[in-house]
């Protein structure tokens, strides 16, 4: 039976809410920007529930050596400790001349404080004087549903700017310009970003898979 939030535990599997006609799915994040961004890419028949909605406030381990591994680790944590079908994502910024760094360590590039400005400052410093500024964002989504784990990958290629530009978005958005664009992710609209971003490409694959349950 669903709990007070209307979420069905994993042992009952995800179902369509017959009253709202919406699937409620736990998204393993408390990042409001990320939650809003992903919810905007999904149909109204899928309602996302955050970690705080299920009472999860602890730091979920992210100790895998790959982006895919971290996504799976987070999803497994929610399944094991909270018994919900869910999905988790992990994203890394991979810079070509830095051999893929910061990669899996993107969130903690400048330290455990996970400070976005500090991370960007460090990356800009490490690229000082370098002509090759090619980079790509990579997102992997790990979904656990009906006892099965599925992963979906999205990549967006571009380059790193020499200074921060824009006030929208989050993370490394102010210093990343996607290919064929002149503006950073922090300068373009959310609607435009959701059409081309790494996360949107992974979410579209997730969306297509979830259509099998509607």
N, C-alpha and C. Protein backbone atom coordinates (compact mmCIF):
# COMPACT_ATOMS: atom_id res chain seq x y z
N UNK A 1 0.85 -1.19 0.00
CA UNK A 1 0.00 0.00 0.00
C UNK A 1 0.89 1.25 0.00
N UNK A 2 0.45 2.31 -0.69
CA UNK A 2 1.23 3.54 -0.69
C UNK A 2 1.27 4.15 0.71
N UNK A 3 2.36 4.90 1.00
CA UNK A 3 2.44 5.57 2.29
C UNK A 3 1.66 6.87 2.22
N UNK A 4 1.83 7.74 3.24
CA UNK A 4 1.05 8.97 3.28
C UNK A 4 1.36 9.90 2.12
N UNK A 5 2.50 9.69 1.45
CA UNK A 5 2.83 10.52 0.31
C UNK A 5 2.25 9.97 -0.98
N UNK A 6 1.65 8.78 -0.87
CA UNK A 6 1.11 8.17 -2.07
C UNK A 6 2.14 7.44 -2.89
N UNK A 7 3.30 7.11 -2.24
CA UNK A 7 4.37 6.42 -2.95
C UNK A 7 4.29 4.93 -2.64
N UNK A 8 4.40 4.11 -3.66
CA UNK A 8 4.31 2.68 -3.47
C UNK A 8 5.68 2.07 -3.25
N UNK A 9 5.90 1.34 -2.14
CA UNK A 9 7.20 0.71 -1.89
C UNK A 9 7.58 -0.26 -3.00
N UNK A 10 8.89 -0.57 -3.05
CA UNK A 10 9.39 -1.40 -4.14
C UNK A 10 8.78 -2.79 -4.15
N UNK A 11 8.45 -3.32 -2.96
CA UNK A 11 7.91 -4.68 -2.94
C UNK A 11 6.51 -4.72 -3.54
N UNK A 12 5.90 -3.57 -3.74
CA UNK A 12 4.60 -3.49 -4.41
C UNK A 12 4.76 -2.99 -5.83
N UNK A 13 5.98 -2.54 -6.19
CA UNK A 13 6.28 -2.01 -7.51
C UNK A 13 5.60 -0.66 -7.75
N UNK A 14 6.10 0.08 -8.74
CA UNK A 14 5.49 1.36 -9.09
C UNK A 14 4.17 1.11 -9.82
N UNK A 15 3.18 1.90 -9.47
CA UNK A 15 1.88 1.80 -10.11
C UNK A 15 1.41 3.17 -10.54
N UNK A 16 0.40 3.21 -11.37
CA UNK A 16 -0.24 4.46 -11.72
C UNK A 16 -1.21 4.83 -10.61
N UNK A 17 -1.11 6.06 -10.15
CA UNK A 17 -2.05 6.56 -9.15
C UNK A 17 -3.40 6.76 -9.85
N UNK A 18 -4.38 5.96 -9.50
CA UNK A 18 -5.64 5.98 -10.21
C UNK A 18 -6.43 7.27 -9.99
N UNK A 19 -6.13 7.95 -8.87
CA UNK A 19 -6.85 9.18 -8.59
C UNK A 19 -6.26 10.33 -9.39
N UNK A 20 -4.95 10.48 -9.33
CA UNK A 20 -4.29 11.58 -10.04
C UNK A 20 -3.84 11.18 -11.43
N UNK A 21 -3.91 9.88 -11.72
CA UNK A 21 -3.42 9.36 -12.99
C UNK A 21 -1.95 9.73 -13.20
N UNK A 22 -1.16 9.67 -12.12
CA UNK A 22 0.25 10.03 -12.19
C UNK A 22 1.11 8.98 -11.49
N UNK A 23 2.25 8.69 -12.10
CA UNK A 23 3.23 7.81 -11.49
C UNK A 23 4.12 8.63 -10.58
N UNK A 24 4.22 8.26 -9.32
CA UNK A 24 5.11 8.96 -8.38
C UNK A 24 6.39 8.17 -8.26
N UNK A 25 7.48 8.83 -8.52
CA UNK A 25 8.77 8.16 -8.58
C UNK A 25 9.79 8.96 -7.78
N UNK A 26 10.52 8.27 -6.92
CA UNK A 26 11.54 8.94 -6.09
C UNK A 26 12.76 9.28 -6.95
N UNK A 27 13.13 10.56 -6.93
CA UNK A 27 14.35 11.03 -7.58
C UNK A 27 15.34 11.31 -6.46
N UNK A 28 16.44 10.59 -6.42
CA UNK A 28 17.38 10.66 -5.31
C UNK A 28 18.19 11.95 -5.33
N UNK A 29 17.51 13.06 -5.03
CA UNK A 29 18.17 14.35 -4.94
C UNK A 29 17.40 15.28 -4.03
N UNK A 30 18.10 16.23 -3.44
CA UNK A 30 17.46 17.34 -2.73
C UNK A 30 17.85 18.66 -3.38
N UNK A 31 18.46 18.56 -4.56
CA UNK A 31 18.83 19.73 -5.33
C UNK A 31 17.59 20.27 -6.04
N UNK A 32 17.06 21.39 -5.55
CA UNK A 32 15.81 21.93 -6.09
C UNK A 32 15.94 22.32 -7.55
N UNK A 33 17.11 22.83 -7.94
CA UNK A 33 17.32 23.19 -9.34
C UNK A 33 17.27 21.97 -10.25
N UNK A 34 17.93 20.91 -9.81
CA UNK A 34 17.95 19.68 -10.60
C UNK A 34 16.55 19.06 -10.66
N UNK A 35 15.85 19.07 -9.52
CA UNK A 35 14.50 18.51 -9.47
C UNK A 35 13.58 19.25 -10.43
N UNK A 36 13.66 20.57 -10.41
CA UNK A 36 12.83 21.39 -11.29
C UNK A 36 13.17 21.14 -12.76
N UNK A 37 14.45 21.04 -13.04
CA UNK A 37 14.91 20.83 -14.40
C UNK A 37 14.42 19.50 -14.96
N UNK A 38 14.55 18.44 -14.18
CA UNK A 38 14.14 17.12 -14.65
C UNK A 38 12.62 17.01 -14.72
N UNK A 39 11.93 17.55 -13.72
CA UNK A 39 10.46 17.50 -13.74
C UNK A 39 9.91 18.18 -14.99
N UNK A 40 10.55 19.27 -15.42
CA UNK A 40 10.10 20.00 -16.60
C UNK A 40 10.25 19.18 -17.88
N UNK A 41 11.11 18.18 -17.85
CA UNK A 41 11.34 17.35 -19.03
C UNK A 41 10.43 16.13 -19.09
N UNK A 42 9.76 15.84 -17.98
CA UNK A 42 8.91 14.65 -17.92
C UNK A 42 7.44 15.03 -18.11
N UNK A 43 6.62 14.11 -18.58
CA UNK A 43 5.19 14.40 -18.74
C UNK A 43 4.50 14.52 -17.39
N UNK A 44 3.32 15.12 -17.39
CA UNK A 44 2.58 15.31 -16.15
C UNK A 44 2.14 13.99 -15.53
N UNK A 45 2.22 12.93 -16.28
CA UNK A 45 1.84 11.61 -15.77
C UNK A 45 2.92 11.02 -14.87
N UNK A 46 4.06 11.71 -14.76
CA UNK A 46 5.14 11.27 -13.86
C UNK A 46 5.42 12.40 -12.88
N UNK A 47 5.23 12.13 -11.60
CA UNK A 47 5.46 13.12 -10.55
C UNK A 47 6.68 12.72 -9.73
N UNK A 48 7.66 13.61 -9.68
CA UNK A 48 8.89 13.30 -8.95
C UNK A 48 8.76 13.62 -7.47
N UNK A 49 9.35 12.75 -6.65
CA UNK A 49 9.37 12.91 -5.20
C UNK A 49 10.83 13.01 -4.79
N UNK A 50 11.19 14.02 -4.00
CA UNK A 50 12.58 14.23 -3.62
C UNK A 50 12.96 13.39 -2.40
N UNK A 51 14.23 13.41 -2.05
CA UNK A 51 14.70 12.69 -0.87
C UNK A 51 14.06 13.21 0.41
N UNK A 52 13.92 14.53 0.52
CA UNK A 52 13.30 15.09 1.73
C UNK A 52 11.85 14.65 1.87
N UNK A 53 11.18 14.41 0.74
CA UNK A 53 9.79 13.95 0.78
C UNK A 53 9.65 12.57 1.41
N UNK A 54 10.72 11.77 1.33
CA UNK A 54 10.66 10.43 1.94
C UNK A 54 11.43 10.39 3.26
N UNK A 55 11.87 11.57 3.73
CA UNK A 55 12.56 11.63 5.01
C UNK A 55 14.02 11.25 4.96
N UNK A 56 14.63 11.35 3.78
CA UNK A 56 16.05 11.01 3.64
C UNK A 56 16.87 12.29 3.65
N UNK A 57 17.64 12.50 4.73
CA UNK A 57 18.45 13.71 4.85
C UNK A 57 19.94 13.38 4.99
N UNK A 58 20.27 12.11 5.06
CA UNK A 58 21.67 11.74 5.23
C UNK A 58 22.43 11.89 3.90
N UNK A 59 23.75 11.95 4.01
CA UNK A 59 24.59 11.99 2.82
C UNK A 59 24.68 10.59 2.23
N UNK A 60 24.21 10.46 1.01
CA UNK A 60 24.27 9.15 0.34
C UNK A 60 25.68 8.96 -0.21
N UNK A 61 26.28 7.80 0.03
CA UNK A 61 27.65 7.55 -0.44
C UNK A 61 27.79 7.72 -1.95
N UNK A 62 28.88 8.37 -2.36
CA UNK A 62 29.24 8.50 -3.78
C UNK A 62 30.72 8.19 -3.90
N UNK A 63 31.05 6.92 -3.71
CA UNK A 63 32.45 6.52 -3.62
C UNK A 63 32.91 5.66 -4.80
N UNK A 64 32.06 5.53 -5.81
CA UNK A 64 32.42 4.73 -6.97
C UNK A 64 33.48 5.47 -7.79
N UNK A 65 34.17 4.74 -8.64
CA UNK A 65 35.25 5.33 -9.44
C UNK A 65 34.77 5.84 -10.79
N UNK A 66 33.48 5.66 -11.09
CA UNK A 66 32.92 6.13 -12.35
C UNK A 66 31.61 6.87 -12.11
N UNK A 67 31.20 7.66 -13.08
CA UNK A 67 29.93 8.38 -13.01
C UNK A 67 28.78 7.39 -12.95
N UNK A 68 28.84 6.37 -13.79
CA UNK A 68 27.80 5.34 -13.80
C UNK A 68 27.73 4.63 -12.45
N UNK A 69 28.89 4.33 -11.88
CA UNK A 69 28.94 3.65 -10.60
C UNK A 69 28.30 4.45 -9.48
N UNK A 70 28.52 5.76 -9.48
CA UNK A 70 27.92 6.62 -8.46
C UNK A 70 26.40 6.65 -8.58
N UNK A 71 25.89 6.74 -9.81
CA UNK A 71 24.44 6.76 -10.01
C UNK A 71 23.81 5.48 -9.49
N UNK A 72 24.41 4.35 -9.80
CA UNK A 72 23.89 3.06 -9.35
C UNK A 72 23.98 2.95 -7.83
N UNK A 73 25.09 3.42 -7.27
CA UNK A 73 25.28 3.37 -5.82
C UNK A 73 24.19 4.15 -5.09
N UNK A 74 23.86 5.32 -5.58
CA UNK A 74 22.83 6.15 -4.93
C UNK A 74 21.45 5.51 -5.05
N UNK A 75 21.13 4.98 -6.23
CA UNK A 75 19.83 4.33 -6.41
C UNK A 75 19.71 3.09 -5.52
N UNK A 76 20.78 2.32 -5.43
CA UNK A 76 20.77 1.12 -4.58
C UNK A 76 20.57 1.49 -3.11
N UNK A 77 21.13 2.62 -2.70
CA UNK A 77 21.00 3.07 -1.31
C UNK A 77 19.53 3.34 -0.98
N UNK A 78 18.83 4.03 -1.85
CA UNK A 78 17.41 4.33 -1.61
C UNK A 78 16.59 3.05 -1.61
N UNK A 79 16.88 2.16 -2.52
CA UNK A 79 16.13 0.91 -2.57
C UNK A 79 16.34 0.10 -1.29
N UNK A 80 17.58 0.02 -0.83
CA UNK A 80 17.91 -0.79 0.34
C UNK A 80 17.35 -0.18 1.62
N UNK A 81 17.48 1.13 1.79
CA UNK A 81 17.13 1.76 3.07
C UNK A 81 15.72 2.31 3.14
N UNK A 82 15.10 2.56 1.98
CA UNK A 82 13.76 3.15 1.99
C UNK A 82 12.72 2.34 1.23
N UNK A 83 13.18 1.33 0.51
CA UNK A 83 12.29 0.37 -0.17
C UNK A 83 11.37 1.01 -1.21
N UNK A 84 11.91 1.99 -1.94
CA UNK A 84 11.15 2.59 -3.02
C UNK A 84 11.83 2.33 -4.36
N UNK A 85 11.03 2.11 -5.39
CA UNK A 85 11.57 2.21 -6.73
C UNK A 85 12.01 3.66 -6.91
N UNK A 86 13.08 3.87 -7.62
CA UNK A 86 13.63 5.22 -7.69
C UNK A 86 14.61 5.33 -8.84
N UNK A 87 15.09 6.56 -9.04
CA UNK A 87 16.23 6.74 -9.93
C UNK A 87 17.16 7.78 -9.34
N UNK A 88 18.43 7.66 -9.69
CA UNK A 88 19.45 8.61 -9.25
C UNK A 88 20.30 8.96 -10.45
N UNK A 89 20.90 10.13 -10.40
CA UNK A 89 21.78 10.50 -11.50
C UNK A 89 23.12 10.96 -10.95
N UNK A 90 24.11 10.91 -11.80
CA UNK A 90 25.40 11.49 -11.48
C UNK A 90 25.93 12.14 -12.75
N UNK A 91 26.52 13.29 -12.59
CA UNK A 91 27.00 14.05 -13.73
C UNK A 91 28.44 14.45 -13.52
N UNK A 92 29.21 14.41 -14.59
CA UNK A 92 30.59 14.85 -14.51
C UNK A 92 30.94 15.70 -15.71
N UNK A 93 31.82 16.66 -15.49
CA UNK A 93 32.34 17.48 -16.57
C UNK A 93 33.71 16.93 -16.93
N UNK A 94 33.87 16.51 -18.17
CA UNK A 94 35.11 15.88 -18.61
C UNK A 94 35.83 16.81 -19.60
N UNK A 95 37.01 17.27 -19.19
CA UNK A 95 37.79 18.20 -20.00
C UNK A 95 38.88 17.43 -20.74
N UNK A 96 38.91 17.59 -22.04
CA UNK A 96 39.79 16.80 -22.90
C UNK A 96 41.26 16.92 -22.53
N UNK A 97 41.77 18.13 -22.40
CA UNK A 97 43.20 18.32 -22.16
C UNK A 97 43.61 17.92 -20.74
N UNK A 98 42.63 17.77 -19.85
CA UNK A 98 42.91 17.34 -18.48
C UNK A 98 42.64 15.84 -18.30
N UNK A 99 42.65 15.13 -19.42
CA UNK A 99 42.45 13.68 -19.40
C UNK A 99 41.13 13.27 -18.74
N UNK A 100 40.09 14.07 -18.99
CA UNK A 100 38.76 13.73 -18.49
C UNK A 100 38.43 14.29 -17.12
N UNK A 101 39.38 14.98 -16.48
CA UNK A 101 39.09 15.61 -15.19
C UNK A 101 38.22 16.85 -15.43
N UNK A 102 37.44 17.24 -14.42
CA UNK A 102 37.30 16.64 -13.09
C UNK A 102 36.49 15.35 -13.06
N UNK A 103 35.71 15.07 -14.10
CA UNK A 103 35.02 13.79 -14.21
C UNK A 103 34.17 13.42 -13.01
N UNK A 104 34.41 12.23 -12.49
CA UNK A 104 33.62 11.73 -11.36
C UNK A 104 33.79 12.58 -10.11
N UNK A 105 34.84 13.39 -10.08
CA UNK A 105 35.09 14.25 -8.92
C UNK A 105 34.60 15.68 -9.13
N UNK A 106 33.75 15.90 -10.11
CA UNK A 106 33.32 17.25 -10.48
C UNK A 106 32.74 18.04 -9.31
N UNK A 107 31.88 17.41 -8.52
CA UNK A 107 31.23 18.13 -7.41
C UNK A 107 32.22 18.52 -6.32
N UNK A 108 33.29 17.75 -6.17
CA UNK A 108 34.28 17.99 -5.11
C UNK A 108 35.63 18.42 -5.67
N UNK A 109 35.63 18.98 -6.85
CA UNK A 109 36.88 19.31 -7.54
C UNK A 109 37.77 20.22 -6.69
N UNK A 110 37.17 21.17 -6.01
CA UNK A 110 37.94 22.11 -5.19
C UNK A 110 37.86 21.78 -3.70
N UNK A 111 37.30 20.60 -3.36
CA UNK A 111 37.20 20.22 -1.96
C UNK A 111 35.84 19.67 -1.60
N UNK A 112 35.75 19.10 -0.42
CA UNK A 112 34.53 18.44 0.02
C UNK A 112 33.35 19.38 0.26
N UNK A 113 33.61 20.67 0.27
CA UNK A 113 32.52 21.64 0.49
C UNK A 113 31.56 21.70 -0.68
N UNK A 114 31.95 21.14 -1.82
CA UNK A 114 31.12 21.13 -3.03
C UNK A 114 30.69 22.54 -3.43
N UNK A 115 31.62 23.46 -3.38
CA UNK A 115 31.34 24.85 -3.71
C UNK A 115 31.50 25.07 -5.22
N UNK A 116 30.40 25.43 -5.88
CA UNK A 116 30.41 25.56 -7.34
C UNK A 116 31.38 26.64 -7.81
N UNK A 117 31.40 27.79 -7.14
CA UNK A 117 32.31 28.87 -7.55
C UNK A 117 33.77 28.45 -7.40
N UNK A 118 34.07 27.76 -6.31
CA UNK A 118 35.44 27.29 -6.10
C UNK A 118 35.83 26.26 -7.16
N UNK A 119 34.90 25.39 -7.51
CA UNK A 119 35.16 24.39 -8.55
C UNK A 119 35.46 25.06 -9.89
N UNK A 120 34.65 26.05 -10.24
CA UNK A 120 34.86 26.75 -11.51
C UNK A 120 36.17 27.52 -11.51
N UNK A 121 36.47 28.17 -10.40
CA UNK A 121 37.72 28.93 -10.30
C UNK A 121 38.93 28.02 -10.49
N UNK A 122 38.88 26.85 -9.88
CA UNK A 122 39.99 25.91 -10.00
C UNK A 122 40.14 25.43 -11.44
N UNK A 123 39.02 25.15 -12.10
CA UNK A 123 39.09 24.67 -13.48
C UNK A 123 39.62 25.75 -14.41
N UNK A 124 39.14 26.97 -14.24
CA UNK A 124 39.63 28.07 -15.07
C UNK A 124 41.13 28.25 -14.87
N UNK A 125 41.59 28.14 -13.64
CA UNK A 125 43.02 28.26 -13.33
C UNK A 125 43.82 27.15 -14.00
N UNK A 126 43.29 25.93 -13.94
CA UNK A 126 44.01 24.79 -14.51
C UNK A 126 44.05 24.83 -16.04
N UNK A 127 43.17 25.62 -16.63
CA UNK A 127 43.14 25.73 -18.10
C UNK A 127 43.81 27.02 -18.59
N UNK A 128 44.36 27.77 -17.66
CA UNK A 128 44.99 29.03 -18.03
C UNK A 128 46.13 28.80 -19.03
N UNK A 129 46.09 29.53 -20.15
CA UNK A 129 47.12 29.40 -21.17
C UNK A 129 46.93 28.24 -22.12
N UNK A 130 45.87 27.44 -21.92
CA UNK A 130 45.63 26.28 -22.78
C UNK A 130 44.66 26.65 -23.91
N UNK A 131 45.03 26.29 -25.13
CA UNK A 131 44.17 26.58 -26.28
C UNK A 131 43.04 25.57 -26.41
N UNK A 132 43.33 24.32 -26.12
CA UNK A 132 42.30 23.28 -26.20
C UNK A 132 41.42 23.35 -24.96
N UNK A 133 40.19 23.80 -25.13
CA UNK A 133 39.27 23.92 -24.00
C UNK A 133 38.04 23.04 -24.22
N UNK A 134 38.18 22.04 -25.10
CA UNK A 134 37.08 21.13 -25.38
C UNK A 134 36.69 20.34 -24.14
N UNK A 135 35.39 20.16 -23.96
CA UNK A 135 34.89 19.44 -22.79
C UNK A 135 33.53 18.84 -23.12
N UNK A 136 33.09 17.94 -22.27
CA UNK A 136 31.75 17.40 -22.40
C UNK A 136 31.16 17.14 -21.03
N UNK A 137 29.86 17.38 -20.93
CA UNK A 137 29.10 17.00 -19.75
C UNK A 137 28.56 15.60 -19.99
N UNK A 138 28.63 14.76 -18.98
CA UNK A 138 28.10 13.40 -19.08
C UNK A 138 27.20 13.12 -17.89
N UNK A 139 25.97 12.72 -18.17
CA UNK A 139 25.03 12.34 -17.13
C UNK A 139 24.65 10.88 -17.30
N UNK A 140 24.65 10.15 -16.20
CA UNK A 140 24.16 8.78 -16.19
C UNK A 140 23.03 8.69 -15.17
N UNK A 141 21.89 8.18 -15.61
CA UNK A 141 20.75 7.95 -14.73
C UNK A 141 20.63 6.45 -14.47
N UNK A 142 20.52 6.09 -13.20
CA UNK A 142 20.32 4.69 -12.82
C UNK A 142 18.90 4.56 -12.26
N UNK A 143 18.10 3.74 -12.89
CA UNK A 143 16.71 3.51 -12.48
C UNK A 143 16.58 2.11 -11.90
N UNK A 144 15.94 2.01 -10.74
CA UNK A 144 15.61 0.70 -10.18
C UNK A 144 14.10 0.60 -10.13
N UNK A 145 13.57 -0.34 -10.87
CA UNK A 145 12.13 -0.53 -10.94
C UNK A 145 11.82 -2.01 -11.14
N UNK A 146 10.87 -2.49 -10.36
CA UNK A 146 10.51 -3.91 -10.42
C UNK A 146 11.71 -4.83 -10.23
N UNK A 147 12.65 -4.41 -9.39
CA UNK A 147 13.80 -5.24 -9.08
C UNK A 147 14.90 -5.23 -10.12
N UNK A 148 14.74 -4.44 -11.18
CA UNK A 148 15.75 -4.37 -12.23
C UNK A 148 16.42 -3.01 -12.23
N UNK A 149 17.70 -3.00 -12.60
CA UNK A 149 18.45 -1.75 -12.71
C UNK A 149 18.74 -1.45 -14.17
N UNK A 150 18.37 -0.24 -14.59
CA UNK A 150 18.62 0.20 -15.96
C UNK A 150 19.40 1.51 -15.90
N UNK A 151 20.31 1.72 -16.84
CA UNK A 151 21.05 2.98 -16.89
C UNK A 151 20.83 3.68 -18.23
N UNK A 152 20.85 5.00 -18.19
CA UNK A 152 20.63 5.83 -19.38
C UNK A 152 21.68 6.95 -19.37
N UNK A 153 22.39 7.11 -20.50
CA UNK A 153 23.49 8.06 -20.58
C UNK A 153 23.20 9.18 -21.56
N UNK A 154 23.56 10.40 -21.17
CA UNK A 154 23.44 11.55 -22.05
C UNK A 154 24.72 12.36 -22.05
N UNK A 155 25.15 12.81 -23.22
CA UNK A 155 26.39 13.58 -23.36
C UNK A 155 26.12 14.86 -24.15
N UNK A 156 26.72 15.95 -23.68
CA UNK A 156 26.66 17.22 -24.39
C UNK A 156 28.08 17.77 -24.52
N UNK A 157 28.52 17.98 -25.74
CA UNK A 157 29.88 18.46 -25.99
C UNK A 157 29.91 19.97 -26.13
N UNK A 158 31.06 20.56 -25.79
CA UNK A 158 31.20 22.01 -25.89
C UNK A 158 32.60 22.44 -25.50
N UNK A 159 32.72 23.62 -24.91
CA UNK A 159 34.03 24.10 -24.46
C UNK A 159 33.90 24.95 -23.21
N UNK A 160 35.02 25.13 -22.52
CA UNK A 160 35.08 25.88 -21.27
C UNK A 160 35.49 27.33 -21.57
N UNK A 161 34.76 28.26 -21.01
CA UNK A 161 35.07 29.68 -21.19
C UNK A 161 36.22 30.10 -20.27
N UNK A 162 36.72 31.31 -20.47
CA UNK A 162 37.81 31.81 -19.65
C UNK A 162 37.31 32.57 -18.42
N UNK A 163 36.00 32.81 -18.39
CA UNK A 163 35.41 33.49 -17.24
C UNK A 163 33.95 33.07 -17.11
N UNK A 164 33.38 33.28 -15.94
CA UNK A 164 31.99 32.91 -15.68
C UNK A 164 31.05 33.90 -16.38
N UNK A 165 29.98 33.34 -16.96
CA UNK A 165 29.01 34.18 -17.65
C UNK A 165 27.60 33.65 -17.39
N UNK A 166 26.71 34.51 -16.95
CA UNK A 166 25.32 34.13 -16.75
C UNK A 166 25.00 33.83 -15.30
N UNK A 167 23.72 33.91 -14.98
CA UNK A 167 23.25 33.69 -13.61
C UNK A 167 22.24 32.56 -13.49
N UNK A 168 21.91 31.92 -14.59
CA UNK A 168 20.96 30.82 -14.55
C UNK A 168 21.71 29.51 -14.33
N UNK A 169 20.94 28.42 -14.18
CA UNK A 169 21.57 27.12 -14.05
C UNK A 169 22.27 26.92 -12.72
N UNK A 170 23.18 25.96 -12.69
CA UNK A 170 23.90 25.62 -11.46
C UNK A 170 25.16 24.86 -11.82
N UNK A 171 25.97 24.57 -10.83
CA UNK A 171 27.19 23.82 -11.08
C UNK A 171 28.15 24.58 -11.99
N UNK A 172 28.63 23.90 -13.02
CA UNK A 172 29.59 24.48 -13.96
C UNK A 172 28.91 25.23 -15.11
N UNK A 173 27.61 25.41 -15.06
CA UNK A 173 26.87 26.03 -16.17
C UNK A 173 27.44 27.38 -16.62
N UNK A 174 27.92 28.25 -15.70
CA UNK A 174 28.43 29.56 -16.15
C UNK A 174 29.71 29.52 -16.97
N UNK A 175 30.38 28.37 -17.06
CA UNK A 175 31.63 28.33 -17.83
C UNK A 175 31.59 27.29 -18.95
N UNK A 176 30.40 26.75 -19.24
CA UNK A 176 30.30 25.74 -20.30
C UNK A 176 29.42 26.24 -21.43
N UNK A 177 29.99 26.26 -22.64
CA UNK A 177 29.25 26.65 -23.84
C UNK A 177 29.05 25.40 -24.71
N UNK A 178 27.80 24.98 -24.95
CA UNK A 178 27.56 23.80 -25.78
C UNK A 178 27.88 24.09 -27.24
N UNK A 179 28.26 23.08 -27.97
CA UNK A 179 28.58 23.22 -29.39
C UNK A 179 27.42 23.84 -30.16
N UNK A 180 27.77 24.70 -31.12
CA UNK A 180 26.85 25.44 -32.00
C UNK A 180 26.19 26.62 -31.28
N UNK A 181 26.53 26.85 -30.02
CA UNK A 181 25.99 27.99 -29.27
C UNK A 181 27.12 28.95 -28.91
N UNK A 182 26.75 30.19 -28.62
CA UNK A 182 27.73 31.18 -28.18
C UNK A 182 27.53 31.55 -26.72
N UNK A 183 26.41 31.12 -26.14
CA UNK A 183 26.10 31.41 -24.75
C UNK A 183 26.39 30.21 -23.87
N UNK A 184 26.68 30.47 -22.58
CA UNK A 184 26.87 29.38 -21.63
C UNK A 184 25.51 28.82 -21.22
N UNK A 185 25.54 27.68 -20.56
CA UNK A 185 24.31 27.10 -20.02
C UNK A 185 23.64 28.06 -19.04
N UNK A 186 24.43 28.92 -18.40
CA UNK A 186 23.88 29.86 -17.42
C UNK A 186 23.29 31.11 -18.06
N UNK A 187 23.45 31.23 -19.38
CA UNK A 187 22.91 32.38 -20.10
C UNK A 187 21.66 32.04 -20.91
N UNK A 188 21.51 30.77 -21.28
CA UNK A 188 20.35 30.39 -22.09
C UNK A 188 19.17 30.05 -21.18
N UNK A 189 18.00 29.99 -21.77
CA UNK A 189 16.79 29.70 -21.00
C UNK A 189 16.75 28.23 -20.60
N UNK A 190 15.98 27.94 -19.55
CA UNK A 190 15.82 26.55 -19.12
C UNK A 190 15.19 25.73 -20.23
N UNK A 191 14.27 26.33 -20.95
CA UNK A 191 13.59 25.62 -22.06
C UNK A 191 14.59 25.19 -23.12
N UNK A 192 15.51 26.09 -23.47
CA UNK A 192 16.53 25.76 -24.47
C UNK A 192 17.50 24.72 -23.93
N UNK A 193 17.92 24.90 -22.69
CA UNK A 193 18.85 23.95 -22.08
C UNK A 193 18.25 22.55 -22.05
N UNK A 194 16.97 22.48 -21.75
CA UNK A 194 16.31 21.17 -21.65
C UNK A 194 16.18 20.46 -22.99
N UNK A 195 16.46 21.16 -24.07
CA UNK A 195 16.41 20.54 -25.39
C UNK A 195 17.75 19.95 -25.80
N UNK A 196 18.84 20.45 -25.20
CA UNK A 196 20.16 20.08 -25.69
C UNK A 196 21.11 19.51 -24.64
N UNK A 197 20.75 19.62 -23.37
CA UNK A 197 21.72 19.25 -22.33
C UNK A 197 21.95 17.75 -22.20
N UNK A 198 23.05 17.41 -21.58
CA UNK A 198 23.41 16.04 -21.25
C UNK A 198 22.32 15.39 -20.41
N UNK A 199 21.82 16.14 -19.43
CA UNK A 199 20.79 15.59 -18.54
C UNK A 199 19.50 15.34 -19.32
N UNK A 200 19.15 16.26 -20.21
CA UNK A 200 17.91 16.09 -20.96
C UNK A 200 17.99 14.86 -21.87
N UNK A 201 19.15 14.60 -22.42
CA UNK A 201 19.32 13.44 -23.30
C UNK A 201 19.19 12.13 -22.52
N UNK A 202 19.72 12.14 -21.30
CA UNK A 202 19.56 10.95 -20.46
C UNK A 202 18.11 10.81 -20.00
N UNK A 203 17.47 11.94 -19.66
CA UNK A 203 16.09 11.91 -19.19
C UNK A 203 15.14 11.45 -20.30
N UNK A 204 15.41 11.85 -21.53
CA UNK A 204 14.55 11.43 -22.63
C UNK A 204 14.57 9.90 -22.80
N UNK A 205 15.73 9.31 -22.57
CA UNK A 205 15.83 7.85 -22.62
C UNK A 205 15.07 7.22 -21.46
N UNK A 206 15.19 7.85 -20.27
CA UNK A 206 14.43 7.39 -19.10
C UNK A 206 12.94 7.50 -19.37
N UNK A 207 12.53 8.62 -19.92
CA UNK A 207 11.12 8.87 -20.23
C UNK A 207 10.57 7.81 -21.17
N UNK A 208 11.33 7.48 -22.20
CA UNK A 208 10.89 6.47 -23.16
C UNK A 208 10.72 5.11 -22.49
N UNK A 209 11.64 4.79 -21.58
CA UNK A 209 11.56 3.51 -20.90
C UNK A 209 10.35 3.48 -19.95
N UNK A 210 10.11 4.58 -19.23
CA UNK A 210 9.00 4.62 -18.29
C UNK A 210 7.64 4.56 -18.98
N UNK A 211 7.62 4.89 -20.26
CA UNK A 211 6.35 4.83 -21.00
C UNK A 211 5.82 3.40 -21.05
N UNK A 212 6.70 2.43 -20.80
CA UNK A 212 6.27 1.03 -20.78
C UNK A 212 5.40 0.72 -19.57
N UNK A 213 5.41 1.63 -18.57
CA UNK A 213 4.67 1.37 -17.34
C UNK A 213 3.39 2.20 -17.26
N UNK A 214 3.10 2.95 -18.29
CA UNK A 214 1.90 3.80 -18.28
C UNK A 214 0.75 3.11 -19.01
